[in-house]
Amino acid sequence: VYLPLRENLVRTSYAYYCAELLDRLTEEQDAQQEMFDLFLETMERLCRTEELRIPARHYELRLLDLAGFRPELFTCLACADEIRPTTNYFHYVQGGTLCEACGVEVAGSRRVSLPALKVLRYIQTRPYSTLEALQLRESVHAEVEGILYHYMTYVLEQNLKSVRFLRLL
């Protein structure tokens, strides 16, 4: 059924990554139909798109949401102020953004650029059909990927084997 995934090593690697995330975020015999449906939709997207990182980021954010780990991207987790379009921070332990004032005060927070924060918010709040046309600079792709990777690693309390392989490609 998913012939393009079997014919291309990069596509296969992204599919394996998605499967590993699903496996780590669910328990055996766990009836998570929404997560499984999301997985199947993502496999189809990985078959037909050229930019594989967009469906992967969409999958990560939706899967985190369904698993109860949705990152907070609109409100500062420390002071509850609205996140403004300036320098902000992401804190993996707290699970989301900190404003500029709070971010410099909280150990372990990582600066997040405005473009990366906008992309994270956009992917988190839009249906996939609106994401297919996204054209991102390589630096923004890398930053968004890094933020989600580190957050996912914190949530799972372990590194993912498939990520090491994807980075080799």
N, C-alpha and C. Protein backbone atom coordinates (compact mmCIF):
# COMPACT_ATOMS: atom_id res chain seq x y z
N VAL A 1 0.83 -1.20 0.00
CA VAL A 1 0.00 0.00 0.00
C VAL A 1 0.87 1.25 0.00
N TYR A 2 1.89 1.29 0.80
CA TYR A 2 2.73 2.49 0.93
C TYR A 2 4.03 2.29 0.15
N LEU A 3 3.91 2.03 -1.12
CA LEU A 3 5.06 1.72 -1.98
C LEU A 3 6.16 2.79 -1.92
N PRO A 4 5.83 4.09 -1.98
CA PRO A 4 6.91 5.09 -1.91
C PRO A 4 7.73 5.01 -0.61
N LEU A 5 7.12 4.54 0.46
CA LEU A 5 7.86 4.39 1.72
C LEU A 5 8.87 3.25 1.63
N ARG A 6 8.54 2.26 0.84
CA ARG A 6 9.43 1.10 0.71
C ARG A 6 10.52 1.33 -0.33
N GLU A 7 10.31 2.27 -1.22
CA GLU A 7 11.26 2.49 -2.32
C GLU A 7 12.29 3.58 -2.03
N ASN A 8 12.14 4.30 -0.95
CA ASN A 8 13.02 5.43 -0.67
C ASN A 8 13.47 5.38 0.78
N LEU A 9 14.77 5.32 1.00
CA LEU A 9 15.31 5.16 2.34
C LEU A 9 14.95 6.32 3.27
N VAL A 10 14.94 7.53 2.76
CA VAL A 10 14.60 8.68 3.60
C VAL A 10 13.13 8.60 4.03
N ARG A 11 12.25 8.29 3.09
CA ARG A 11 10.83 8.13 3.43
C ARG A 11 10.63 6.98 4.43
N THR A 12 11.33 5.89 4.21
CA THR A 12 11.27 4.75 5.13
C THR A 12 11.70 5.18 6.53
N SER A 13 12.74 5.97 6.60
CA SER A 13 13.27 6.42 7.89
C SER A 13 12.28 7.31 8.63
N TYR A 14 11.63 8.21 7.91
CA TYR A 14 10.61 9.05 8.54
C TYR A 14 9.43 8.21 9.01
N ALA A 15 9.05 7.21 8.22
CA ALA A 15 7.95 6.33 8.62
C ALA A 15 8.32 5.55 9.89
N TYR A 16 9.55 5.07 9.95
CA TYR A 16 10.01 4.34 11.13
C TYR A 16 10.01 5.27 12.35
N TYR A 17 10.45 6.51 12.15
CA TYR A 17 10.45 7.49 13.24
C TYR A 17 9.03 7.69 13.78
N CYS A 18 8.07 7.86 12.88
CA CYS A 18 6.68 8.05 13.31
C CYS A 18 6.15 6.82 14.05
N ALA A 19 6.51 5.64 13.56
CA ALA A 19 6.09 4.41 14.22
C ALA A 19 6.72 4.30 15.61
N GLU A 20 7.99 4.68 15.73
CA GLU A 20 8.66 4.62 17.02
C GLU A 20 8.01 5.58 18.02
N LEU A 21 7.66 6.79 17.56
CA LEU A 21 6.97 7.74 18.44
C LEU A 21 5.64 7.17 18.93
N LEU A 22 4.87 6.62 18.02
CA LEU A 22 3.59 6.04 18.39
C LEU A 22 3.78 4.91 19.40
N ASP A 23 4.75 4.08 19.16
CA ASP A 23 5.03 2.96 20.07
C ASP A 23 5.41 3.45 21.47
N ARG A 24 6.23 4.49 21.53
CA ARG A 24 6.71 4.99 22.83
C ARG A 24 5.63 5.76 23.60
N LEU A 25 4.68 6.35 22.89
CA LEU A 25 3.64 7.14 23.55
C LEU A 25 2.36 6.35 23.86
N THR A 26 2.35 5.10 23.50
CA THR A 26 1.17 4.27 23.79
C THR A 26 1.59 3.02 24.54
N GLU A 27 0.65 2.43 25.23
CA GLU A 27 0.87 1.17 25.93
C GLU A 27 0.31 0.04 25.09
N GLU A 28 0.84 -1.15 25.27
CA GLU A 28 0.31 -2.30 24.57
C GLU A 28 -1.15 -2.50 24.95
N GLN A 29 -1.96 -2.85 24.00
CA GLN A 29 -3.41 -3.04 24.19
C GLN A 29 -4.14 -1.73 24.49
N ASP A 30 -3.48 -0.60 24.22
CA ASP A 30 -4.06 0.72 24.45
C ASP A 30 -4.88 1.11 23.22
N ALA A 31 -6.16 1.35 23.42
CA ALA A 31 -7.04 1.70 22.30
C ALA A 31 -6.97 3.20 22.02
N GLN A 32 -6.01 3.60 21.25
CA GLN A 32 -5.80 5.01 20.89
C GLN A 32 -6.10 5.18 19.40
N GLN A 33 -7.37 5.08 19.04
CA GLN A 33 -7.75 5.12 17.63
C GLN A 33 -7.33 6.41 16.96
N GLU A 34 -7.46 7.55 17.65
CA GLU A 34 -7.07 8.84 17.05
C GLU A 34 -5.58 8.86 16.71
N MET A 35 -4.77 8.31 17.61
CA MET A 35 -3.33 8.27 17.35
C MET A 35 -3.02 7.36 16.17
N PHE A 36 -3.68 6.23 16.10
CA PHE A 36 -3.46 5.31 15.00
C PHE A 36 -3.92 5.91 13.68
N ASP A 37 -5.06 6.58 13.69
CA ASP A 37 -5.55 7.26 12.47
C ASP A 37 -4.56 8.33 12.03
N LEU A 38 -4.03 9.10 12.98
CA LEU A 38 -3.03 10.12 12.67
C LEU A 38 -1.80 9.47 12.05
N PHE A 39 -1.39 8.35 12.58
CA PHE A 39 -0.24 7.63 12.04
C PHE A 39 -0.48 7.23 10.58
N LEU A 40 -1.64 6.66 10.30
CA LEU A 40 -1.96 6.25 8.93
C LEU A 40 -2.02 7.45 7.98
N GLU A 41 -2.62 8.55 8.43
CA GLU A 41 -2.66 9.77 7.61
C GLU A 41 -1.25 10.26 7.32
N THR A 42 -0.38 10.19 8.32
CA THR A 42 0.99 10.65 8.14
C THR A 42 1.75 9.75 7.17
N MET A 43 1.50 8.45 7.21
CA MET A 43 2.14 7.54 6.26
C MET A 43 1.74 7.92 4.83
N GLU A 44 0.47 8.23 4.63
CA GLU A 44 0.01 8.66 3.30
C GLU A 44 0.68 9.96 2.88
N ARG A 45 0.82 10.89 3.81
CA ARG A 45 1.47 12.18 3.51
C ARG A 45 2.94 11.98 3.16
N LEU A 46 3.60 11.10 3.88
CA LEU A 46 5.00 10.83 3.60
C LEU A 46 5.18 10.18 2.23
N CYS A 47 4.17 9.52 1.74
CA CYS A 47 4.22 8.91 0.41
C CYS A 47 4.13 9.94 -0.70
N ARG A 48 3.39 11.02 -0.47
CA ARG A 48 3.08 11.91 -1.59
C ARG A 48 3.77 13.28 -1.54
N THR A 49 4.43 13.63 -0.46
CA THR A 49 5.05 14.95 -0.39
C THR A 49 6.56 14.86 -0.62
N GLU A 50 7.11 15.95 -1.10
CA GLU A 50 8.56 16.03 -1.27
C GLU A 50 9.24 16.53 0.00
N GLU A 51 8.59 17.45 0.70
CA GLU A 51 9.15 18.02 1.93
C GLU A 51 8.65 17.18 3.12
N LEU A 52 9.44 16.22 3.52
CA LEU A 52 9.04 15.25 4.54
C LEU A 52 9.03 15.83 5.95
N ARG A 53 9.71 16.93 6.15
CA ARG A 53 9.80 17.49 7.51
C ARG A 53 8.48 18.10 7.97
N ILE A 54 7.68 18.64 7.05
CA ILE A 54 6.41 19.25 7.44
C ILE A 54 5.44 18.20 7.99
N PRO A 55 5.20 17.09 7.28
CA PRO A 55 4.32 16.08 7.89
C PRO A 55 4.88 15.51 9.19
N ALA A 56 6.20 15.42 9.30
CA ALA A 56 6.80 14.92 10.54
C ALA A 56 6.54 15.87 11.70
N ARG A 57 6.71 17.18 11.48
CA ARG A 57 6.46 18.15 12.56
C ARG A 57 4.97 18.18 12.93
N HIS A 58 4.10 18.10 11.93
CA HIS A 58 2.66 18.05 12.18
C HIS A 58 2.32 16.82 13.02
N TYR A 59 2.88 15.69 12.65
CA TYR A 59 2.65 14.45 13.38
C TYR A 59 3.10 14.57 14.84
N GLU A 60 4.31 15.10 15.03
CA GLU A 60 4.83 15.25 16.39
C GLU A 60 3.90 16.10 17.26
N LEU A 61 3.52 17.26 16.74
CA LEU A 61 2.67 18.15 17.53
C LEU A 61 1.29 17.56 17.80
N ARG A 62 0.69 16.92 16.82
CA ARG A 62 -0.63 16.30 17.01
C ARG A 62 -0.54 15.11 17.96
N LEU A 63 0.51 14.32 17.83
CA LEU A 63 0.69 13.17 18.71
C LEU A 63 0.90 13.61 20.15
N LEU A 64 1.71 14.64 20.34
CA LEU A 64 1.90 15.18 21.69
C LEU A 64 0.57 15.66 22.27
N ASP A 65 -0.22 16.31 21.45
CA ASP A 65 -1.53 16.79 21.88
C ASP A 65 -2.42 15.63 22.31
N LEU A 66 -2.50 14.61 21.48
CA LEU A 66 -3.35 13.45 21.77
C LEU A 66 -2.86 12.68 23.00
N ALA A 67 -1.56 12.73 23.26
CA ALA A 67 -1.00 12.02 24.41
C ALA A 67 -1.06 12.85 25.70
N GLY A 68 -1.53 14.09 25.59
CA GLY A 68 -1.64 14.94 26.77
C GLY A 68 -0.42 15.77 27.08
N PHE A 69 0.46 15.94 26.09
CA PHE A 69 1.69 16.72 26.28
C PHE A 69 1.77 17.91 25.33
N ARG A 70 0.64 18.48 24.98
CA ARG A 70 0.62 19.61 24.06
C ARG A 70 1.47 20.76 24.62
N PRO A 71 2.48 21.21 23.86
CA PRO A 71 3.28 22.33 24.37
C PRO A 71 2.48 23.64 24.33
N GLU A 72 2.63 24.44 25.36
CA GLU A 72 1.98 25.74 25.44
C GLU A 72 2.83 26.74 24.65
N LEU A 73 2.24 27.32 23.61
CA LEU A 73 2.97 28.22 22.72
C LEU A 73 2.43 29.64 22.70
N PHE A 74 1.39 29.92 23.45
CA PHE A 74 0.75 31.22 23.38
C PHE A 74 0.80 32.02 24.68
N THR A 75 1.02 31.34 25.79
CA THR A 75 1.03 31.99 27.11
C THR A 75 2.29 31.61 27.86
N CYS A 76 2.88 32.56 28.54
CA CYS A 76 4.08 32.28 29.34
C CYS A 76 3.70 31.34 30.48
N LEU A 77 4.44 30.28 30.61
CA LEU A 77 4.17 29.30 31.65
C LEU A 77 4.51 29.80 33.05
N ALA A 78 5.32 30.84 33.15
CA ALA A 78 5.72 31.35 34.46
C ALA A 78 4.80 32.46 34.95
N CYS A 79 4.50 33.44 34.10
CA CYS A 79 3.73 34.60 34.55
C CYS A 79 2.32 34.67 33.96
N ALA A 80 2.02 33.77 33.04
CA ALA A 80 0.70 33.68 32.38
C ALA A 80 0.40 34.85 31.44
N ASP A 81 1.39 35.68 31.13
CA ASP A 81 1.19 36.74 30.14
C ASP A 81 1.17 36.13 28.73
N GLU A 82 0.51 36.83 27.83
CA GLU A 82 0.50 36.41 26.43
C GLU A 82 1.91 36.53 25.87
N ILE A 83 2.32 35.56 25.09
CA ILE A 83 3.63 35.60 24.45
C ILE A 83 3.59 36.63 23.34
N ARG A 84 4.51 37.58 23.39
CA ARG A 84 4.56 38.67 22.42
C ARG A 84 5.61 38.38 21.34
N PRO A 85 5.52 39.06 20.19
CA PRO A 85 6.47 38.82 19.10
C PRO A 85 7.83 39.45 19.37
N THR A 86 8.57 38.82 20.24
CA THR A 86 9.90 39.28 20.62
C THR A 86 10.74 38.03 20.91
N THR A 87 11.82 38.18 21.60
CA THR A 87 12.62 37.03 22.01
C THR A 87 11.87 36.28 23.10
N ASN A 88 11.67 35.00 22.89
CA ASN A 88 11.00 34.16 23.87
C ASN A 88 11.84 32.92 24.10
N TYR A 89 11.37 32.08 25.00
CA TYR A 89 12.12 30.89 25.38
C TYR A 89 11.20 29.68 25.41
N PHE A 90 11.81 28.50 25.24
CA PHE A 90 11.07 27.25 25.36
C PHE A 90 11.70 26.47 26.50
N HIS A 91 10.86 25.92 27.36
CA HIS A 91 11.34 25.14 28.49
C HIS A 91 10.75 23.74 28.39
N TYR A 92 11.63 22.76 28.22
CA TYR A 92 11.19 21.39 28.00
C TYR A 92 10.50 20.79 29.21
N VAL A 93 11.03 21.07 30.40
CA VAL A 93 10.45 20.50 31.61
C VAL A 93 9.05 21.05 31.86
N GLN A 94 8.88 22.35 31.66
CA GLN A 94 7.57 22.95 31.88
C GLN A 94 6.64 22.72 30.70
N GLY A 95 7.17 22.41 29.54
CA GLY A 95 6.35 22.05 28.40
C GLY A 95 5.82 23.22 27.60
N GLY A 96 6.65 24.22 27.36
CA GLY A 96 6.20 25.31 26.51
C GLY A 96 7.03 26.56 26.63
N THR A 97 6.40 27.68 26.26
CA THR A 97 7.11 28.95 26.14
C THR A 97 7.12 29.76 27.42
N LEU A 98 8.16 30.55 27.50
CA LEU A 98 8.33 31.55 28.56
C LEU A 98 8.59 32.88 27.87
N CYS A 99 8.05 33.93 28.42
CA CYS A 99 8.29 35.26 27.85
C CYS A 99 9.75 35.65 28.05
N GLU A 100 10.12 36.76 27.44
CA GLU A 100 11.51 37.21 27.52
C GLU A 100 11.94 37.44 28.95
N ALA A 101 11.11 38.08 29.75
CA ALA A 101 11.47 38.39 31.14
C ALA A 101 11.63 37.12 31.98
N CYS A 102 10.71 36.19 31.82
CA CYS A 102 10.76 34.96 32.62
C CYS A 102 11.80 33.97 32.09
N GLY A 103 11.97 33.94 30.78
CA GLY A 103 12.88 32.98 30.17
C GLY A 103 14.32 33.13 30.61
N VAL A 104 14.77 34.37 30.81
CA VAL A 104 16.15 34.57 31.25
C VAL A 104 16.33 34.17 32.71
N GLU A 105 15.23 34.10 33.45
CA GLU A 105 15.28 33.76 34.87
C GLU A 105 15.21 32.26 35.13
N VAL A 106 14.66 31.50 34.19
CA VAL A 106 14.42 30.08 34.42
C VAL A 106 15.55 29.25 33.81
N ALA A 107 16.24 28.52 34.67
CA ALA A 107 17.33 27.67 34.20
C ALA A 107 16.80 26.58 33.28
N GLY A 108 17.54 26.29 32.25
CA GLY A 108 17.16 25.23 31.33
C GLY A 108 16.28 25.68 30.19
N SER A 109 15.95 26.97 30.14
CA SER A 109 15.13 27.45 29.03
C SER A 109 16.02 27.72 27.81
N ARG A 110 15.45 27.53 26.65
CA ARG A 110 16.19 27.69 25.39
C ARG A 110 15.54 28.80 24.59
N ARG A 111 16.34 29.71 24.09
CA ARG A 111 15.82 30.80 23.26
C ARG A 111 15.17 30.24 22.01
N VAL A 112 14.03 30.80 21.65
CA VAL A 112 13.33 30.39 20.44
C VAL A 112 13.11 31.64 19.59
N SER A 113 13.48 31.55 18.33
CA SER A 113 13.33 32.71 17.44
C SER A 113 11.86 32.93 17.13
N LEU A 114 11.53 34.14 16.75
CA LEU A 114 10.16 34.48 16.39
C LEU A 114 9.67 33.65 15.20
N PRO A 115 10.47 33.48 14.12
CA PRO A 115 9.99 32.65 13.02
C PRO A 115 9.70 31.20 13.45
N ALA A 116 10.55 30.63 14.28
CA ALA A 116 10.33 29.25 14.72
C ALA A 116 9.08 29.15 15.59
N LEU A 117 8.87 30.11 16.46
CA LEU A 117 7.67 30.11 17.30
C LEU A 117 6.42 30.24 16.44
N LYS A 118 6.47 31.11 15.44
CA LYS A 118 5.32 31.26 14.54
C LYS A 118 5.02 29.96 13.80
N VAL A 119 6.05 29.28 13.35
CA VAL A 119 5.86 28.01 12.64
C VAL A 119 5.27 26.96 13.58
N LEU A 120 5.79 26.86 14.79
CA LEU A 120 5.24 25.91 15.76
C LEU A 120 3.76 26.19 16.03
N ARG A 121 3.43 27.44 16.22
CA ARG A 121 2.04 27.82 16.46
C ARG A 121 1.16 27.50 15.26
N TYR A 122 1.67 27.81 14.09
CA TYR A 122 0.91 27.58 12.86
C TYR A 122 0.62 26.08 12.69
N ILE A 123 1.65 25.26 12.84
CA ILE A 123 1.47 23.82 12.68
C ILE A 123 0.52 23.27 13.76
N GLN A 124 0.64 23.80 14.97
CA GLN A 124 -0.19 23.31 16.07
C GLN A 124 -1.67 23.64 15.89
N THR A 125 -1.98 24.74 15.24
CA THR A 125 -3.36 25.22 15.19
C THR A 125 -4.06 25.08 13.84
N ARG A 126 -3.37 24.61 12.83
CA ARG A 126 -3.96 24.55 11.49
C ARG A 126 -4.14 23.11 11.03
N PRO A 127 -5.12 22.88 10.18
CA PRO A 127 -5.23 21.55 9.58
C PRO A 127 -4.07 21.31 8.62
N TYR A 128 -3.77 20.06 8.41
CA TYR A 128 -2.62 19.73 7.58
C TYR A 128 -2.71 20.31 6.18
N SER A 129 -3.90 20.37 5.63
CA SER A 129 -4.06 20.87 4.26
C SER A 129 -3.49 22.27 4.07
N THR A 130 -3.46 23.07 5.12
CA THR A 130 -2.91 24.43 5.02
C THR A 130 -1.38 24.44 5.16
N LEU A 131 -0.81 23.33 5.58
CA LEU A 131 0.64 23.27 5.82
C LEU A 131 1.42 22.86 4.58
N GLU A 132 0.75 22.24 3.64
CA GLU A 132 1.45 21.70 2.48
C GLU A 132 2.19 22.76 1.67
N ALA A 133 1.74 23.98 1.71
CA ALA A 133 2.36 25.05 0.93
C ALA A 133 3.47 25.78 1.70
N LEU A 134 3.74 25.38 2.93
CA LEU A 134 4.76 26.07 3.72
C LEU A 134 6.14 25.96 3.07
N GLN A 135 6.80 27.08 2.96
CA GLN A 135 8.17 27.15 2.46
C GLN A 135 9.01 27.77 3.57
N LEU A 136 9.84 26.99 4.20
CA LEU A 136 10.61 27.47 5.35
C LEU A 136 12.10 27.51 5.03
N ARG A 137 12.76 28.50 5.62
CA ARG A 137 14.22 28.55 5.53
C ARG A 137 14.79 27.34 6.27
N GLU A 138 15.94 26.89 5.84
CA GLU A 138 16.59 25.73 6.45
C GLU A 138 16.84 25.96 7.94
N SER A 139 17.22 27.17 8.31
CA SER A 139 17.50 27.46 9.72
C SER A 139 16.24 27.34 10.58
N VAL A 140 15.09 27.72 10.03
CA VAL A 140 13.83 27.61 10.77
C VAL A 140 13.44 26.14 10.90
N HIS A 141 13.58 25.38 9.81
CA HIS A 141 13.32 23.94 9.87
C HIS A 141 14.15 23.31 10.99
N ALA A 142 15.45 23.63 10.99
CA ALA A 142 16.36 23.03 11.97
C ALA A 142 15.99 23.42 13.39
N GLU A 143 15.62 24.67 13.60
CA GLU A 143 15.27 25.12 14.95
C GLU A 143 13.99 24.45 15.45
N VAL A 144 12.98 24.40 14.61
CA VAL A 144 11.71 23.76 14.98
C VAL A 144 11.94 22.28 15.27
N GLU A 145 12.70 21.63 14.40
CA GLU A 145 13.01 20.22 14.60
C GLU A 145 13.74 20.00 15.92
N GLY A 146 14.71 20.86 16.23
CA GLY A 146 15.47 20.74 17.47
C GLY A 146 14.61 20.92 18.70
N ILE A 147 13.73 21.90 18.67
CA ILE A 147 12.85 22.15 19.81
C ILE A 147 11.96 20.93 20.05
N LEU A 148 11.34 20.43 18.99
CA LEU A 148 10.44 19.29 19.15
C LEU A 148 11.20 18.02 19.52
N TYR A 149 12.39 17.85 18.98
CA TYR A 149 13.19 16.67 19.34
C TYR A 149 13.52 16.68 20.84
N HIS A 150 13.99 17.81 21.33
CA HIS A 150 14.36 17.88 22.75
C HIS A 150 13.15 17.75 23.66
N TYR A 151 12.04 18.33 23.26
CA TYR A 151 10.83 18.20 24.06
C TYR A 151 10.34 16.75 24.05
N MET A 152 10.36 16.13 22.88
CA MET A 152 9.93 14.74 22.77
C MET A 152 10.84 13.83 23.60
N THR A 153 12.13 14.08 23.56
CA THR A 153 13.08 13.29 24.35
C THR A 153 12.79 13.44 25.84
N TYR A 154 12.47 14.65 26.27
CA TYR A 154 12.13 14.86 27.68
C TYR A 154 10.84 14.10 28.04
N VAL A 155 9.82 14.22 27.21
CA VAL A 155 8.54 13.56 27.48
C VAL A 155 8.72 12.04 27.54
N LEU A 156 9.49 11.49 26.61
CA LEU A 156 9.67 10.04 26.54
C LEU A 156 10.71 9.52 27.53
N GLU A 157 11.51 10.42 28.06
CA GLU A 157 12.59 10.10 28.99
C GLU A 157 13.63 9.16 28.36
N GLN A 158 13.78 9.29 27.05
CA GLN A 158 14.79 8.50 26.35
C GLN A 158 14.97 9.03 24.93
N ASN A 159 16.12 8.71 24.35
CA ASN A 159 16.37 9.07 22.96
C ASN A 159 15.70 8.07 22.04
N LEU A 160 15.40 8.51 20.84
CA LEU A 160 14.79 7.64 19.84
C LEU A 160 15.86 7.12 18.90
N LYS A 161 15.86 5.83 18.64
CA LYS A 161 16.86 5.23 17.75
C LYS A 161 16.76 5.77 16.33
N SER A 162 15.53 6.00 15.88
CA SER A 162 15.32 6.42 14.50
C SER A 162 15.88 7.82 14.22
N VAL A 163 15.96 8.66 15.23
CA VAL A 163 16.47 10.02 15.04
C VAL A 163 17.95 9.98 14.66
N ARG A 164 18.70 9.14 15.30
CA ARG A 164 20.13 9.03 14.96
C ARG A 164 20.29 8.63 13.49
N PHE A 165 19.48 7.70 13.03
CA PHE A 165 19.57 7.25 11.65
C PHE A 165 19.15 8.35 10.69
N LEU A 166 18.06 9.06 11.01
CA LEU A 166 17.62 10.17 10.15
C LEU A 166 18.70 11.23 10.01
N ARG A 167 19.40 11.50 11.08
CA ARG A 167 20.46 12.52 11.04
C ARG A 167 21.64 12.07 10.17
N LEU A 168 21.86 10.78 10.10
CA LEU A 168 22.93 10.26 9.24
C LEU A 168 22.61 10.45 7.76
N LEU A 169 21.31 10.42 7.46
CA LEU A 169 20.90 10.59 6.06
C LEU A 169 21.03 12.03 5.68
